[in-house]
Amino acid sequence: MPTVTVRNLDPEVQRRLRLRAARNGRSVEAEARAILTEAVCDLAVDWLSMTERVRGEPLPLPERSTPRGVDLT
C-alpha cells in the first residue's frame, strides 16, 4: 500500500487530529486514513459530478420554499 507523508502540518491541526483520534478510539494514522477516505469518497458529490458530466449541465435542483410555522402548543 502506498505511503503519504504530510510535511509542515500546523501544530494545532496535529493536536486536533490527536484529540479526534482519541475520541474515536483510533491511532492518529487510522484517523487520518478515515478522514481522507471520507473526503475523497463522498458518494453524493461524486454522483452529482458524474451526472453533470453526462448531462452536460448541472442537475436542476428544486426551488426552496420558506418553512412553515410550527405550533408547539
PDB file of N, CA and C in Angstrom:
ATOM      1  N   MET A   1       0.845  -1.172   0.000  1.00  0.00           N
ATOM      2  CA  MET A   1       0.000   0.000   0.000  1.00  0.00           C
ATOM      3  C   MET A   1       0.893   1.239   0.000  1.00  0.00           C
ATOM      4  N   PRO A   2       0.534   2.265  -0.801  1.00  0.00           N
ATOM      5  CA  PRO A   2       1.336   3.487  -0.863  1.00  0.00           C
ATOM      6  C   PRO A   2       1.361   4.233   0.468  1.00  0.00           C
ATOM      7  N   THR A   3       2.392   5.025   0.632  1.00  0.00           N
ATOM      8  CA  THR A   3       2.553   5.834   1.827  1.00  0.00           C
ATOM      9  C   THR A   3       2.453   7.297   1.454  1.00  0.00           C
ATOM     10  N   VAL A   4       1.778   8.071   2.297  1.00  0.00           N
ATOM     11  CA  VAL A   4       1.662   9.513   2.098  1.00  0.00           C
ATOM     12  C   VAL A   4       2.318  10.194   3.282  1.00  0.00           C
ATOM     13  N   THR A   5       3.178  11.149   3.011  1.00  0.00           N
ATOM     14  CA  THR A   5       3.829  11.917   4.061  1.00  0.00           C
ATOM     15  C   THR A   5       3.296  13.342   4.001  1.00  0.00           C
ATOM     16  N   VAL A   6       2.888  13.866   5.140  1.00  0.00           N
ATOM     17  CA  VAL A   6       2.395  15.237   5.210  1.00  0.00           C
ATOM     18  C   VAL A   6       3.433  16.056   5.967  1.00  0.00           C
ATOM     19  N   ARG A   7       4.047  16.981   5.258  1.00  0.00           N
ATOM     20  CA  ARG A   7       5.063  17.823   5.879  1.00  0.00           C
ATOM     21  C   ARG A   7       4.456  19.172   6.257  1.00  0.00           C
ATOM     22  N   ASN A   8       5.097  19.824   7.203  1.00  0.00           N
ATOM     23  CA  ASN A   8       4.716  21.176   7.631  1.00  0.00           C
ATOM     24  C   ASN A   8       3.271  21.265   8.098  1.00  0.00           C
ATOM     25  N   LEU A   9       2.804  20.230   8.784  1.00  0.00           N
ATOM     26  CA  LEU A   9       1.457  20.240   9.337  1.00  0.00           C
ATOM     27  C   LEU A   9       1.432  21.192  10.521  1.00  0.00           C
ATOM     28  N   ASP A  10       0.485  22.084  10.516  1.00  0.00           N
ATOM     29  CA  ASP A  10       0.347  23.056  11.589  1.00  0.00           C
ATOM     30  C   ASP A  10       0.220  22.314  12.925  1.00  0.00           C
ATOM     31  N   PRO A  11       0.955  22.726  13.952  1.00  0.00           N
ATOM     32  CA  PRO A  11       0.894  22.040  15.249  1.00  0.00           C
ATOM     33  C   PRO A  11      -0.526  21.969  15.822  1.00  0.00           C
ATOM     34  N   GLU A  12      -1.325  22.988  15.581  1.00  0.00           N
ATOM     35  CA  GLU A  12      -2.703  22.977  16.082  1.00  0.00           C
ATOM     36  C   GLU A  12      -3.534  21.916  15.355  1.00  0.00           C
ATOM     37  N   VAL A  13      -3.310  21.747  14.076  1.00  0.00           N
ATOM     38  CA  VAL A  13      -4.009  20.704  13.318  1.00  0.00           C
ATOM     39  C   VAL A  13      -3.593  19.332  13.836  1.00  0.00           C
ATOM     40  N   GLN A  14      -2.314  19.170  14.100  1.00  0.00           N
ATOM     41  CA  GLN A  14      -1.809  17.898  14.626  1.00  0.00           C
ATOM     42  C   GLN A  14      -2.421  17.607  15.997  1.00  0.00           C
ATOM     43  N   ARG A  15      -2.514  18.624  16.825  1.00  0.00           N
ATOM     44  CA  ARG A  15      -3.108  18.448  18.160  1.00  0.00           C
ATOM     45  C   ARG A  15      -4.573  18.029  18.029  1.00  0.00           C
ATOM     46  N   ARG A  16      -5.304  18.701  17.146  1.00  0.00           N
ATOM     47  CA  ARG A  16      -6.720  18.380  16.971  1.00  0.00           C
ATOM     48  C   ARG A  16      -6.898  16.985  16.373  1.00  0.00           C
ATOM     49  N   LEU A  17      -5.994  16.593  15.499  1.00  0.00           N
ATOM     50  CA  LEU A  17      -6.044  15.245  14.934  1.00  0.00           C
ATOM     51  C   LEU A  17      -5.830  14.205  16.023  1.00  0.00           C
ATOM     52  N   ARG A  18      -4.878  14.444  16.921  1.00  0.00           N
ATOM     53  CA  ARG A  18      -4.647  13.522  18.043  1.00  0.00           C
ATOM     54  C   ARG A  18      -5.882  13.422  18.933  1.00  0.00           C
ATOM     55  N   LEU A  19      -6.512  14.571  19.225  1.00  0.00           N
ATOM     56  CA  LEU A  19      -7.714  14.572  20.065  1.00  0.00           C
ATOM     57  C   LEU A  19      -8.864  13.832  19.388  1.00  0.00           C
ATOM     58  N   ARG A  20      -9.050  14.097  18.101  1.00  0.00           N
ATOM     59  CA  ARG A  20     -10.125  13.422  17.357  1.00  0.00           C
ATOM     60  C   ARG A  20      -9.882  11.920  17.312  1.00  0.00           C
ATOM     61  N   ALA A  21      -8.642  11.518  17.099  1.00  0.00           N
ATOM     62  CA  ALA A  21      -8.303  10.093  17.068  1.00  0.00           C
ATOM     63  C   ALA A  21      -8.607   9.447  18.418  1.00  0.00           C
ATOM     64  N   ALA A  22      -8.258  10.115  19.495  1.00  0.00           N
ATOM     65  CA  ALA A  22      -8.522   9.579  20.832  1.00  0.00           C
ATOM     66  C   ALA A  22     -10.025   9.440  21.079  1.00  0.00           C
ATOM     67  N   ARG A  23     -10.800  10.447  20.673  1.00  0.00           N
ATOM     68  CA  ARG A  23     -12.263  10.375  20.836  1.00  0.00           C
ATOM     69  C   ARG A  23     -12.861   9.206  20.069  1.00  0.00           C
ATOM     70  N   ASN A  24     -12.280   8.893  18.919  1.00  0.00           N
ATOM     71  CA  ASN A  24     -12.800   7.819  18.082  1.00  0.00           C
ATOM     72  C   ASN A  24     -12.128   6.472  18.346  1.00  0.00           C
ATOM     73  N   GLY A  25     -11.229   6.442  19.329  1.00  0.00           N
ATOM     74  CA  GLY A  25     -10.566   5.185  19.690  1.00  0.00           C
ATOM     75  C   GLY A  25      -9.651   4.653  18.596  1.00  0.00           C
ATOM     76  N   ARG A  26      -9.023   5.556  17.861  1.00  0.00           N
ATOM     77  CA  ARG A  26      -8.137   5.152  16.770  1.00  0.00           C
ATOM     78  C   ARG A  26      -6.770   5.781  16.951  1.00  0.00           C
ATOM     79  N   SER A  27      -5.807   5.229  16.241  1.00  0.00           N
ATOM     80  CA  SER A  27      -4.490   5.861  16.192  1.00  0.00           C
ATOM     81  C   SER A  27      -4.596   7.114  15.315  1.00  0.00           C
ATOM     82  N   VAL A  28      -3.604   7.983  15.419  1.00  0.00           N
ATOM     83  CA  VAL A  28      -3.586   9.189  14.584  1.00  0.00           C
ATOM     84  C   VAL A  28      -3.558   8.783  13.112  1.00  0.00           C
ATOM     85  N   GLU A  29      -2.789   7.776  12.790  1.00  0.00           N
ATOM     86  CA  GLU A  29      -2.703   7.304  11.404  1.00  0.00           C
ATOM     87  C   GLU A  29      -4.052   6.782  10.915  1.00  0.00           C
ATOM     88  N   ALA A  30      -4.730   5.986  11.732  1.00  0.00           N
ATOM     89  CA  ALA A  30      -6.036   5.461  11.348  1.00  0.00           C
ATOM     90  C   ALA A  30      -7.058   6.581  11.207  1.00  0.00           C
ATOM     91  N   GLU A  31      -6.980   7.575  12.065  1.00  0.00           N
ATOM     92  CA  GLU A  31      -7.900   8.711  11.979  1.00  0.00           C
ATOM     93  C   GLU A  31      -7.656   9.495  10.695  1.00  0.00           C
ATOM     94  N   ALA A  32      -6.408   9.730  10.354  1.00  0.00           N
ATOM     95  CA  ALA A  32      -6.081  10.437   9.118  1.00  0.00           C
ATOM     96  C   ALA A  32      -6.587   9.651   7.909  1.00  0.00           C
ATOM     97  N   ARG A  33      -6.441   8.322   7.942  1.00  0.00           N
ATOM     98  CA  ARG A  33      -6.959   7.489   6.854  1.00  0.00           C
ATOM     99  C   ARG A  33      -8.470   7.633   6.723  1.00  0.00           C
ATOM    100  N   ALA A  34      -9.164   7.615   7.862  1.00  0.00           N
ATOM    101  CA  ALA A  34     -10.624   7.743   7.858  1.00  0.00           C
ATOM    102  C   ALA A  34     -11.054   9.094   7.286  1.00  0.00           C
ATOM    103  N   ILE A  35     -10.371  10.152   7.690  1.00  0.00           N
ATOM    104  CA  ILE A  35     -10.697  11.495   7.202  1.00  0.00           C
ATOM    105  C   ILE A  35     -10.462  11.583   5.697  1.00  0.00           C
ATOM    106  N   LEU A  36      -9.325  11.090   5.240  1.00  0.00           N
ATOM    107  CA  LEU A  36      -9.018  11.145   3.807  1.00  0.00           C
ATOM    108  C   LEU A  36      -9.986  10.297   2.992  1.00  0.00           C
ATOM    109  N   THR A  37     -10.310   9.125   3.492  1.00  0.00           N
ATOM    110  CA  THR A  37     -11.242   8.245   2.794  1.00  0.00           C
ATOM    111  C   THR A  37     -12.603   8.904   2.665  1.00  0.00           C
ATOM    112  N   GLU A  38     -13.076   9.492   3.750  1.00  0.00           N
ATOM    113  CA  GLU A  38     -14.370  10.175   3.719  1.00  0.00           C
ATOM    114  C   GLU A  38     -14.346  11.353   2.753  1.00  0.00           C
ATOM    115  N   ALA A  39     -13.242  12.075   2.738  1.00  0.00           N
ATOM    116  CA  ALA A  39     -13.136  13.272   1.897  1.00  0.00           C
ATOM    117  C   ALA A  39     -13.153  12.936   0.412  1.00  0.00           C
ATOM    118  N   VAL A  40     -12.531  11.843   0.027  1.00  0.00           N
ATOM    119  CA  VAL A  40     -12.434  11.527  -1.400  1.00  0.00           C
ATOM    120  C   VAL A  40     -13.487  10.528  -1.860  1.00  0.00           C
ATOM    121  N   CYS A  41     -14.266  10.010  -0.965  1.00  0.00           N
ATOM    122  CA  CYS A  41     -15.264   9.008  -1.329  1.00  0.00           C
ATOM    123  C   CYS A  41     -16.677   9.471  -1.047  1.00  0.00           C
ATOM    124  N   ASP A  42     -16.916  10.752  -1.127  1.00  0.00           N
ATOM    125  CA  ASP A  42     -18.244  11.280  -0.866  1.00  0.00           C
ATOM    126  C   ASP A  42     -19.140  10.939  -2.047  1.00  0.00           C
ATOM    127  N   LEU A  43     -20.004   9.948  -1.870  1.00  0.00           N
ATOM    128  CA  LEU A  43     -20.828   9.417  -2.937  1.00  0.00           C
ATOM    129  C   LEU A  43     -21.719  10.471  -3.574  1.00  0.00           C
ATOM    130  N   ALA A  44     -22.348  11.302  -2.786  1.00  0.00           N
ATOM    131  CA  ALA A  44     -23.268  12.303  -3.337  1.00  0.00           C
ATOM    132  C   ALA A  44     -22.539  13.288  -4.242  1.00  0.00           C
ATOM    133  N   VAL A  45     -21.393  13.756  -3.804  1.00  0.00           N
ATOM    134  CA  VAL A  45     -20.628  14.708  -4.612  1.00  0.00           C
ATOM    135  C   VAL A  45     -20.160  14.041  -5.898  1.00  0.00           C
ATOM    136  N   ASP A  46     -19.673  12.815  -5.790  1.00  0.00           N
ATOM    137  CA  ASP A  46     -19.228  12.089  -6.976  1.00  0.00           C
ATOM    138  C   ASP A  46     -20.385  11.866  -7.939  1.00  0.00           C
ATOM    139  N   TRP A  47     -21.552  11.513  -7.420  1.00  0.00           N
ATOM    140  CA  TRP A  47     -22.719  11.264  -8.253  1.00  0.00           C
ATOM    141  C   TRP A  47     -23.161  12.532  -8.973  1.00  0.00           C
ATOM    142  N   LEU A  48     -23.233  13.642  -8.257  1.00  0.00           N
ATOM    143  CA  LEU A  48     -23.627  14.901  -8.885  1.00  0.00           C
ATOM    144  C   LEU A  48     -22.631  15.316  -9.966  1.00  0.00           C
ATOM    145  N   SER A  49     -21.367  15.134  -9.695  1.00  0.00           N
ATOM    146  CA  SER A  49     -20.338  15.476 -10.666  1.00  0.00           C
ATOM    147  C   SER A  49     -20.474  14.613 -11.914  1.00  0.00           C
ATOM    148  N   MET A  50     -20.679  13.310 -11.735  1.00  0.00           N
ATOM    149  CA  MET A  50     -20.842  12.404 -12.861  1.00  0.00           C
ATOM    150  C   MET A  50     -22.089  12.775 -13.664  1.00  0.00           C
ATOM    151  N   THR A  51     -23.184  13.072 -12.968  1.00  0.00           N
ATOM    152  CA  THR A  51     -24.428  13.439 -13.634  1.00  0.00           C
ATOM    153  C   THR A  51     -24.235  14.691 -14.477  1.00  0.00           C
ATOM    154  N   GLU A  52     -23.516  15.660 -13.939  1.00  0.00           N
ATOM    155  CA  GLU A  52     -23.262  16.896 -14.668  1.00  0.00           C
ATOM    156  C   GLU A  52     -22.445  16.630 -15.924  1.00  0.00           C
ATOM    157  N   ARG A  53     -21.445  15.761 -15.813  1.00  0.00           N
ATOM    158  CA  ARG A  53     -20.622  15.440 -16.989  1.00  0.00           C
ATOM    159  C   ARG A  53     -21.457  14.745 -18.062  1.00  0.00           C
ATOM    160  N   VAL A  54     -22.332  13.833 -17.675  1.00  0.00           N
ATOM    161  CA  VAL A  54     -23.149  13.090 -18.628  1.00  0.00           C
ATOM    162  C   VAL A  54     -24.181  14.004 -19.271  1.00  0.00           C
ATOM    163  N   ARG A  55     -24.849  14.825 -18.466  1.00  0.00           N
ATOM    164  CA  ARG A  55     -25.893  15.714 -18.980  1.00  0.00           C
ATOM    165  C   ARG A  55     -25.319  16.916 -19.724  1.00  0.00           C
ATOM    166  N   GLY A  56     -24.101  17.313 -19.371  1.00  0.00           N
ATOM    167  CA  GLY A  56     -23.516  18.498 -19.964  1.00  0.00           C
ATOM    168  C   GLY A  56     -23.960  19.776 -19.279  1.00  0.00           C
ATOM    169  N   GLU A  57     -24.733  19.639 -18.227  1.00  0.00           N
ATOM    170  CA  GLU A  57     -25.207  20.793 -17.460  1.00  0.00           C
ATOM    171  C   GLU A  57     -25.508  20.334 -16.042  1.00  0.00           C
ATOM    172  N   PRO A  58     -25.546  21.274 -15.106  1.00  0.00           N
ATOM    173  CA  PRO A  58     -25.836  20.896 -13.714  1.00  0.00           C
ATOM    174  C   PRO A  58     -27.235  20.293 -13.574  1.00  0.00           C
ATOM    175  N   LEU A  59     -27.383  19.417 -12.619  1.00  0.00           N
ATOM    176  CA  LEU A  59     -28.681  18.821 -12.314  1.00  0.00           C
ATOM    177  C   LEU A  59     -29.586  19.906 -11.746  1.00  0.00           C
ATOM    178  N   PRO A  60     -30.801  20.063 -12.303  1.00  0.00           N
ATOM    179  CA  PRO A  60     -31.684  21.107 -11.767  1.00  0.00           C
ATOM    180  C   PRO A  60     -32.131  20.753 -10.349  1.00  0.00           C
ATOM    181  N   LEU A  61     -32.013  21.700  -9.467  1.00  0.00           N
ATOM    182  CA  LEU A  61     -32.415  21.484  -8.084  1.00  0.00           C
ATOM    183  C   LEU A  61     -33.775  22.133  -7.855  1.00  0.00           C
ATOM    184  N   PRO A  62     -34.623  21.530  -7.019  1.00  0.00           N
ATOM    185  CA  PRO A  62     -35.940  22.115  -6.766  1.00  0.00           C
ATOM    186  C   PRO A  62     -35.810  23.451  -6.043  1.00  0.00           C
ATOM    187  N   GLU A  63     -36.787  24.321  -6.296  1.00  0.00           N
ATOM    188  CA  GLU A  63     -36.793  25.603  -5.608  1.00  0.00           C
ATOM    189  C   GLU A  63     -37.117  25.378  -4.139  1.00  0.00           C
ATOM    190  N   ARG A  64     -36.518  26.181  -3.298  1.00  0.00           N
ATOM    191  CA  ARG A  64     -36.787  26.079  -1.863  1.00  0.00           C
ATOM    192  C   ARG A  64     -37.905  27.028  -1.496  1.00  0.00           C
ATOM    193  N   SER A  65     -38.732  26.593  -0.578  1.00  0.00           N
ATOM    194  CA  SER A  65     -39.800  27.455  -0.093  1.00  0.00           C
ATOM    195  C   SER A  65     -39.491  27.836   1.350  1.00  0.00           C
ATOM    196  N   THR A  66     -40.190  28.824   1.851  1.00  0.00           N
ATOM    197  CA  THR A  66     -39.975  29.210   3.235  1.00  0.00           C
ATOM    198  C   THR A  66     -40.594  28.145   4.143  1.00  0.00           C
ATOM    199  N   PRO A  67     -39.981  27.873   5.263  1.00  0.00           N
ATOM    200  CA  PRO A  67     -40.503  26.849   6.167  1.00  0.00           C
ATOM    201  C   PRO A  67     -41.860  27.260   6.733  1.00  0.00           C
ATOM    202  N   ARG A  68     -42.701  26.273   6.963  1.00  0.00           N
ATOM    203  CA  ARG A  68     -43.990  26.531   7.588  1.00  0.00           C
ATOM    204  C   ARG A  68     -43.807  26.695   9.093  1.00  0.00           C
ATOM    205  N   GLY A  69     -44.666  27.488   9.679  1.00  0.00           N
ATOM    206  CA  GLY A  69     -44.623  27.672  11.135  1.00  0.00           C
ATOM    207  C   GLY A  69     -45.036  26.381  11.836  1.00  0.00           C
ATOM    208  N   VAL A  70     -44.560  26.207  13.040  1.00  0.00           N
ATOM    209  CA  VAL A  70     -44.889  25.020  13.818  1.00  0.00           C
ATOM    210  C   VAL A  70     -45.590  25.476  15.090  1.00  0.00           C
ATOM    211  N   ASP A  71     -46.755  24.905  15.355  1.00  0.00           N
ATOM    212  CA  ASP A  71     -47.499  25.217  16.571  1.00  0.00           C
ATOM    213  C   ASP A  71     -47.112  24.209  17.644  1.00  0.00           C
ATOM    214  N   LEU A  72     -46.398  24.646  18.636  1.00  0.00           N
ATOM    215  CA  LEU A  72     -45.917  23.746  19.702  1.00  0.00           C
ATOM    216  C   LEU A  72     -46.831  23.729  20.925  1.00  0.00           C
ATOM    217  N   THR A  73     -48.011  24.342  20.808  1.00  0.00           N
ATOM    218  CA  THR A  73     -48.922  24.347  21.960  1.00  0.00           C
ATOM    219  C   THR A  73     -49.869  23.184  21.911  1.00  0.00           C
TER     220      THR A  73
END
